[in-house]
Amino acid sequence: MVFGDSLVDSGNNNYVDTTLKADLPPYGIDSPTGRPTGRFSNGRNFADLISEVLKLPESPSPFLSPQLSGERLLYGANFASGGVGISNDTGIQLVSFLKPFPGSYVIIVE
């Protein structure tokens, strides 16, 4: 499982109503397809590098991706989101990510 901000976001912001997106050039220019993937980098990010070191067949898919099912779930899920924060002003997006999990809650302490 991956939690964090834009350093490890693998594309969750593609599925969230936010102005912070990495699905336009120049992001992704060094990715295998040469197109933006939603990662806030020109290719791979830290989550990809850690997955490589752990010899996983792929980096955990974005939690909100429709492709995250079946065998892909065995390699984890990426909950990271670029621009997410932990204060009340910046953590609203994190709270909305957790809504699909009934019984879960978030406590934000200043």
N, C-alpha and C. Protein backbone atom coordinates (compact mmCIF):
# COMPACT_ATOMS: atom_id res chain seq x y z
N MET A 1 0.84 -1.17 0.00
CA MET A 1 0.00 0.00 0.00
C MET A 1 0.89 1.24 0.00
N VAL A 2 0.43 2.22 -0.72
CA VAL A 2 1.18 3.46 -0.84
C VAL A 2 0.30 4.61 -0.37
N PHE A 3 0.83 5.41 0.54
CA PHE A 3 0.16 6.62 1.00
C PHE A 3 1.12 7.78 0.81
N GLY A 4 0.64 8.92 0.40
CA GLY A 4 1.52 10.06 0.25
C GLY A 4 0.94 11.15 -0.62
N ASP A 5 1.85 11.97 -1.15
CA ASP A 5 1.44 13.11 -1.97
C ASP A 5 1.93 12.90 -3.40
N SER A 6 2.25 13.99 -4.08
CA SER A 6 2.62 13.91 -5.50
C SER A 6 3.90 13.11 -5.75
N LEU A 7 4.73 12.91 -4.74
CA LEU A 7 5.96 12.14 -4.94
C LEU A 7 5.68 10.68 -5.27
N VAL A 8 4.52 10.18 -4.86
CA VAL A 8 4.19 8.78 -5.10
C VAL A 8 2.81 8.58 -5.75
N ASP A 9 2.12 9.66 -6.09
CA ASP A 9 0.81 9.56 -6.75
C ASP A 9 0.98 8.89 -8.11
N SER A 10 0.27 7.80 -8.33
CA SER A 10 0.40 7.08 -9.61
C SER A 10 -0.78 7.34 -10.54
N GLY A 11 -1.60 8.32 -10.20
CA GLY A 11 -2.70 8.68 -11.09
C GLY A 11 -4.05 8.83 -10.42
N ASN A 12 -4.10 8.82 -9.09
CA ASN A 12 -5.39 8.98 -8.41
C ASN A 12 -6.07 10.29 -8.77
N ASN A 13 -5.29 11.34 -8.97
CA ASN A 13 -5.90 12.64 -9.27
C ASN A 13 -6.60 12.65 -10.63
N ASN A 14 -6.36 11.64 -11.46
CA ASN A 14 -7.10 11.53 -12.72
C ASN A 14 -8.57 11.26 -12.46
N TYR A 15 -8.89 10.72 -11.28
CA TYR A 15 -10.25 10.31 -10.95
C TYR A 15 -10.90 11.20 -9.90
N VAL A 16 -10.27 12.32 -9.56
CA VAL A 16 -10.75 13.22 -8.51
C VAL A 16 -10.99 14.60 -9.11
N ASP A 17 -12.02 15.27 -8.63
CA ASP A 17 -12.30 16.63 -9.08
C ASP A 17 -11.35 17.59 -8.37
N THR A 18 -10.22 17.84 -8.98
CA THR A 18 -9.19 18.71 -8.41
C THR A 18 -8.48 19.45 -9.53
N THR A 19 -7.93 20.58 -9.20
CA THR A 19 -7.16 21.32 -10.20
C THR A 19 -5.73 20.80 -10.30
N LEU A 20 -5.30 20.01 -9.32
CA LEU A 20 -3.94 19.45 -9.32
C LEU A 20 -3.93 18.14 -10.09
N LYS A 21 -3.59 18.21 -11.34
CA LYS A 21 -3.56 17.02 -12.19
C LYS A 21 -2.24 16.94 -12.93
N ALA A 22 -1.85 15.71 -13.26
CA ALA A 22 -0.61 15.49 -14.01
C ALA A 22 -0.92 14.66 -15.25
N ASP A 23 -2.06 14.93 -15.87
CA ASP A 23 -2.45 14.16 -17.05
C ASP A 23 -2.28 14.93 -18.36
N LEU A 24 -1.42 15.95 -18.32
CA LEU A 24 -1.11 16.75 -19.50
C LEU A 24 0.40 16.85 -19.67
N PRO A 25 0.89 17.05 -20.90
CA PRO A 25 2.33 17.26 -21.07
C PRO A 25 2.79 18.46 -20.26
N PRO A 26 4.00 18.48 -19.77
CA PRO A 26 5.12 17.61 -20.08
C PRO A 26 5.21 16.35 -19.22
N TYR A 27 4.27 16.16 -18.28
CA TYR A 27 4.32 14.95 -17.46
C TYR A 27 4.29 13.71 -18.36
N GLY A 28 5.10 12.72 -18.02
CA GLY A 28 5.09 11.45 -18.73
C GLY A 28 5.94 11.37 -19.97
N ILE A 29 6.72 12.40 -20.28
CA ILE A 29 7.47 12.37 -21.54
C ILE A 29 8.47 11.22 -21.60
N ASP A 30 8.92 10.74 -20.45
CA ASP A 30 9.87 9.62 -20.43
C ASP A 30 9.21 8.29 -20.06
N SER A 31 7.89 8.26 -19.99
CA SER A 31 7.20 7.00 -19.69
C SER A 31 7.25 6.11 -20.93
N PRO A 32 7.02 4.81 -20.78
CA PRO A 32 7.10 3.92 -21.94
C PRO A 32 6.21 4.34 -23.11
N THR A 33 5.06 4.93 -22.82
CA THR A 33 4.16 5.36 -23.90
C THR A 33 4.46 6.78 -24.38
N GLY A 34 5.25 7.54 -23.58
CA GLY A 34 5.54 8.92 -23.92
C GLY A 34 4.39 9.87 -23.65
N ARG A 35 3.34 9.35 -22.98
CA ARG A 35 2.16 10.15 -22.69
C ARG A 35 2.01 10.32 -21.18
N PRO A 36 1.30 11.35 -20.75
CA PRO A 36 1.06 11.56 -19.32
C PRO A 36 0.27 10.39 -18.73
N THR A 37 0.65 10.02 -17.51
CA THR A 37 -0.01 8.90 -16.83
C THR A 37 -0.74 9.32 -15.57
N GLY A 38 -0.57 10.57 -15.17
CA GLY A 38 -1.13 11.02 -13.90
C GLY A 38 -0.07 11.10 -12.82
N ARG A 39 1.14 10.63 -13.13
CA ARG A 39 2.24 10.74 -12.18
C ARG A 39 2.83 12.15 -12.28
N PHE A 40 3.18 12.72 -11.14
CA PHE A 40 3.78 14.05 -11.12
C PHE A 40 5.28 13.93 -11.36
N SER A 41 5.64 13.32 -12.48
CA SER A 41 7.04 13.14 -12.86
C SER A 41 7.09 12.99 -14.37
N ASN A 42 8.28 12.88 -14.91
CA ASN A 42 8.39 12.71 -16.35
C ASN A 42 8.39 11.23 -16.74
N GLY A 43 8.25 10.36 -15.78
CA GLY A 43 8.21 8.92 -16.04
C GLY A 43 7.81 8.18 -14.79
N ARG A 44 8.81 7.65 -14.08
CA ARG A 44 8.52 6.88 -12.87
C ARG A 44 8.61 7.78 -11.64
N ASN A 45 7.99 7.31 -10.55
CA ASN A 45 8.08 8.04 -9.28
C ASN A 45 8.64 7.09 -8.21
N PHE A 46 8.69 7.56 -6.96
CA PHE A 46 9.28 6.76 -5.89
C PHE A 46 8.56 5.44 -5.68
N ALA A 47 7.24 5.42 -5.82
CA ALA A 47 6.49 4.17 -5.65
C ALA A 47 6.91 3.15 -6.70
N ASP A 48 7.15 3.60 -7.92
CA ASP A 48 7.61 2.71 -8.98
C ASP A 48 8.99 2.14 -8.66
N LEU A 49 9.88 3.00 -8.16
CA LEU A 49 11.24 2.55 -7.84
C LEU A 49 11.24 1.55 -6.69
N ILE A 50 10.43 1.79 -5.67
CA ILE A 50 10.34 0.85 -4.54
C ILE A 50 9.77 -0.48 -5.01
N SER A 51 8.77 -0.45 -5.86
CA SER A 51 8.19 -1.69 -6.41
C SER A 51 9.23 -2.48 -7.18
N GLU A 52 10.07 -1.77 -7.90
CA GLU A 52 11.14 -2.42 -8.65
C GLU A 52 12.13 -3.10 -7.72
N VAL A 53 12.53 -2.42 -6.65
CA VAL A 53 13.46 -2.99 -5.67
C VAL A 53 12.85 -4.23 -5.01
N LEU A 54 11.54 -4.19 -4.75
CA LEU A 54 10.84 -5.33 -4.12
C LEU A 54 10.52 -6.43 -5.12
N LYS A 55 10.90 -6.21 -6.38
CA LYS A 55 10.70 -7.17 -7.46
C LYS A 55 9.22 -7.49 -7.71
N LEU A 56 8.38 -6.48 -7.52
CA LEU A 56 6.96 -6.64 -7.87
C LEU A 56 6.82 -6.52 -9.38
N PRO A 57 5.89 -7.21 -9.98
CA PRO A 57 5.74 -7.13 -11.44
C PRO A 57 5.27 -5.76 -11.92
N GLU A 58 4.63 -4.99 -11.03
CA GLU A 58 4.20 -3.64 -11.38
C GLU A 58 4.02 -2.84 -10.11
N SER A 59 4.01 -1.54 -10.26
CA SER A 59 3.77 -0.64 -9.14
C SER A 59 2.29 -0.71 -8.78
N PRO A 60 1.93 -0.56 -7.49
CA PRO A 60 0.51 -0.58 -7.13
C PRO A 60 -0.29 0.44 -7.94
N SER A 61 -1.43 -0.01 -8.44
CA SER A 61 -2.30 0.85 -9.25
C SER A 61 -3.00 1.88 -8.39
N PRO A 62 -3.43 2.99 -8.99
CA PRO A 62 -4.19 3.98 -8.24
C PRO A 62 -5.45 3.35 -7.63
N PHE A 63 -5.72 3.67 -6.40
CA PHE A 63 -6.87 3.15 -5.67
C PHE A 63 -8.18 3.41 -6.40
N LEU A 64 -8.29 4.53 -7.09
CA LEU A 64 -9.53 4.90 -7.78
C LEU A 64 -9.60 4.39 -9.21
N SER A 65 -8.59 3.71 -9.68
CA SER A 65 -8.56 3.22 -11.06
C SER A 65 -9.52 2.06 -11.27
N PRO A 66 -10.29 2.08 -12.35
CA PRO A 66 -11.17 0.95 -12.65
C PRO A 66 -10.38 -0.33 -12.93
N GLN A 67 -9.11 -0.21 -13.29
CA GLN A 67 -8.28 -1.39 -13.57
C GLN A 67 -7.77 -2.08 -12.30
N LEU A 68 -8.00 -1.49 -11.13
CA LEU A 68 -7.51 -2.09 -9.89
C LEU A 68 -8.49 -3.17 -9.44
N SER A 69 -8.25 -4.38 -9.89
CA SER A 69 -9.08 -5.52 -9.51
C SER A 69 -8.30 -6.80 -9.77
N GLY A 70 -8.86 -7.90 -9.33
CA GLY A 70 -8.25 -9.19 -9.59
C GLY A 70 -6.83 -9.30 -9.07
N GLU A 71 -5.96 -9.81 -9.92
CA GLU A 71 -4.57 -10.05 -9.53
C GLU A 71 -3.82 -8.77 -9.18
N ARG A 72 -4.20 -7.66 -9.78
CA ARG A 72 -3.53 -6.39 -9.48
C ARG A 72 -3.65 -6.02 -8.01
N LEU A 73 -4.74 -6.43 -7.37
CA LEU A 73 -4.92 -6.13 -5.95
C LEU A 73 -3.87 -6.82 -5.09
N LEU A 74 -3.30 -7.92 -5.59
CA LEU A 74 -2.28 -8.64 -4.83
C LEU A 74 -1.01 -7.82 -4.65
N TYR A 75 -0.81 -6.83 -5.50
CA TYR A 75 0.39 -6.00 -5.43
C TYR A 75 0.13 -4.69 -4.70
N GLY A 76 -1.06 -4.55 -4.12
CA GLY A 76 -1.37 -3.38 -3.33
C GLY A 76 -2.15 -2.34 -4.10
N ALA A 77 -2.39 -1.23 -3.42
CA ALA A 77 -3.11 -0.11 -4.01
C ALA A 77 -2.39 1.17 -3.63
N ASN A 78 -2.46 2.13 -4.50
CA ASN A 78 -1.82 3.42 -4.26
C ASN A 78 -2.89 4.44 -3.89
N PHE A 79 -2.83 4.93 -2.65
CA PHE A 79 -3.79 5.91 -2.14
C PHE A 79 -3.24 7.33 -2.20
N ALA A 80 -2.05 7.51 -2.73
CA ALA A 80 -1.41 8.83 -2.76
C ALA A 80 -2.15 9.77 -3.70
N SER A 81 -2.10 11.05 -3.35
CA SER A 81 -2.75 12.07 -4.17
C SER A 81 -1.95 13.36 -4.13
N GLY A 82 -1.57 13.85 -5.28
CA GLY A 82 -0.83 15.10 -5.36
C GLY A 82 -1.62 16.25 -4.77
N GLY A 83 -0.99 17.00 -3.89
CA GLY A 83 -1.63 18.16 -3.28
C GLY A 83 -2.38 17.88 -2.01
N VAL A 84 -2.47 16.61 -1.63
CA VAL A 84 -3.19 16.28 -0.40
C VAL A 84 -2.36 16.73 0.79
N GLY A 85 -3.01 17.15 1.83
CA GLY A 85 -2.32 17.61 3.03
C GLY A 85 -2.97 17.04 4.27
N ILE A 86 -2.43 17.36 5.42
CA ILE A 86 -2.97 16.82 6.66
C ILE A 86 -3.69 17.85 7.51
N SER A 87 -3.66 19.11 7.11
CA SER A 87 -4.39 20.11 7.90
C SER A 87 -5.83 20.19 7.40
N ASN A 88 -6.70 20.83 8.17
CA ASN A 88 -8.10 20.96 7.77
C ASN A 88 -8.24 21.63 6.41
N ASP A 89 -7.38 22.58 6.10
CA ASP A 89 -7.49 23.30 4.83
C ASP A 89 -7.05 22.46 3.64
N THR A 90 -6.09 21.57 3.84
CA THR A 90 -5.57 20.81 2.71
C THR A 90 -5.96 19.34 2.74
N GLY A 91 -6.51 18.86 3.82
CA GLY A 91 -6.81 17.44 3.95
C GLY A 91 -8.19 17.02 3.48
N ILE A 92 -8.97 17.93 2.94
CA ILE A 92 -10.33 17.61 2.51
C ILE A 92 -10.32 16.49 1.48
N GLN A 93 -9.38 16.51 0.56
CA GLN A 93 -9.31 15.48 -0.47
C GLN A 93 -9.04 14.11 0.15
N LEU A 94 -8.18 14.03 1.17
CA LEU A 94 -7.90 12.77 1.84
C LEU A 94 -9.16 12.21 2.47
N VAL A 95 -9.95 13.06 3.10
CA VAL A 95 -11.19 12.61 3.71
C VAL A 95 -12.12 12.05 2.65
N SER A 96 -12.21 12.68 1.49
CA SER A 96 -13.10 12.18 0.43
C SER A 96 -12.62 10.85 -0.12
N PHE A 97 -11.32 10.58 -0.10
CA PHE A 97 -10.79 9.29 -0.55
C PHE A 97 -11.29 8.17 0.33
N LEU A 98 -11.46 8.44 1.63
CA LEU A 98 -11.82 7.39 2.58
C LEU A 98 -13.32 7.14 2.66
N LYS A 99 -14.14 7.93 2.01
CA LYS A 99 -15.59 7.75 2.07
C LYS A 99 -16.04 6.36 1.61
N PRO A 100 -15.40 5.74 0.60
CA PRO A 100 -15.86 4.40 0.20
C PRO A 100 -15.66 3.32 1.26
N PHE A 101 -14.97 3.63 2.35
CA PHE A 101 -14.71 2.65 3.39
C PHE A 101 -15.64 2.89 4.56
N PRO A 102 -16.80 2.21 4.61
CA PRO A 102 -17.73 2.42 5.73
C PRO A 102 -17.06 2.08 7.05
N GLY A 103 -17.32 2.87 8.04
CA GLY A 103 -16.75 2.64 9.36
C GLY A 103 -15.38 3.26 9.55
N SER A 104 -14.79 3.77 8.47
CA SER A 104 -13.49 4.41 8.62
C SER A 104 -13.70 5.86 9.02
N TYR A 105 -12.69 6.43 9.61
CA TYR A 105 -12.78 7.83 9.99
C TYR A 105 -11.41 8.46 9.95
N VAL A 106 -11.41 9.76 9.89
CA VAL A 106 -10.16 10.51 9.85
C VAL A 106 -10.20 11.55 10.95
N ILE A 107 -9.13 11.63 11.71
CA ILE A 107 -9.00 12.67 12.72
C ILE A 107 -7.86 13.57 12.27
N ILE A 108 -8.15 14.83 12.09
CA ILE A 108 -7.14 15.79 11.69
C ILE A 108 -6.84 16.67 12.88
N VAL A 109 -5.60 16.65 13.32
CA VAL A 109 -5.19 17.41 14.50
C VAL A 109 -4.26 18.52 14.06
N GLU A 110 -4.54 19.72 14.54
CA GLU A 110 -3.66 20.84 14.19
C GLU A 110 -2.50 20.91 15.16
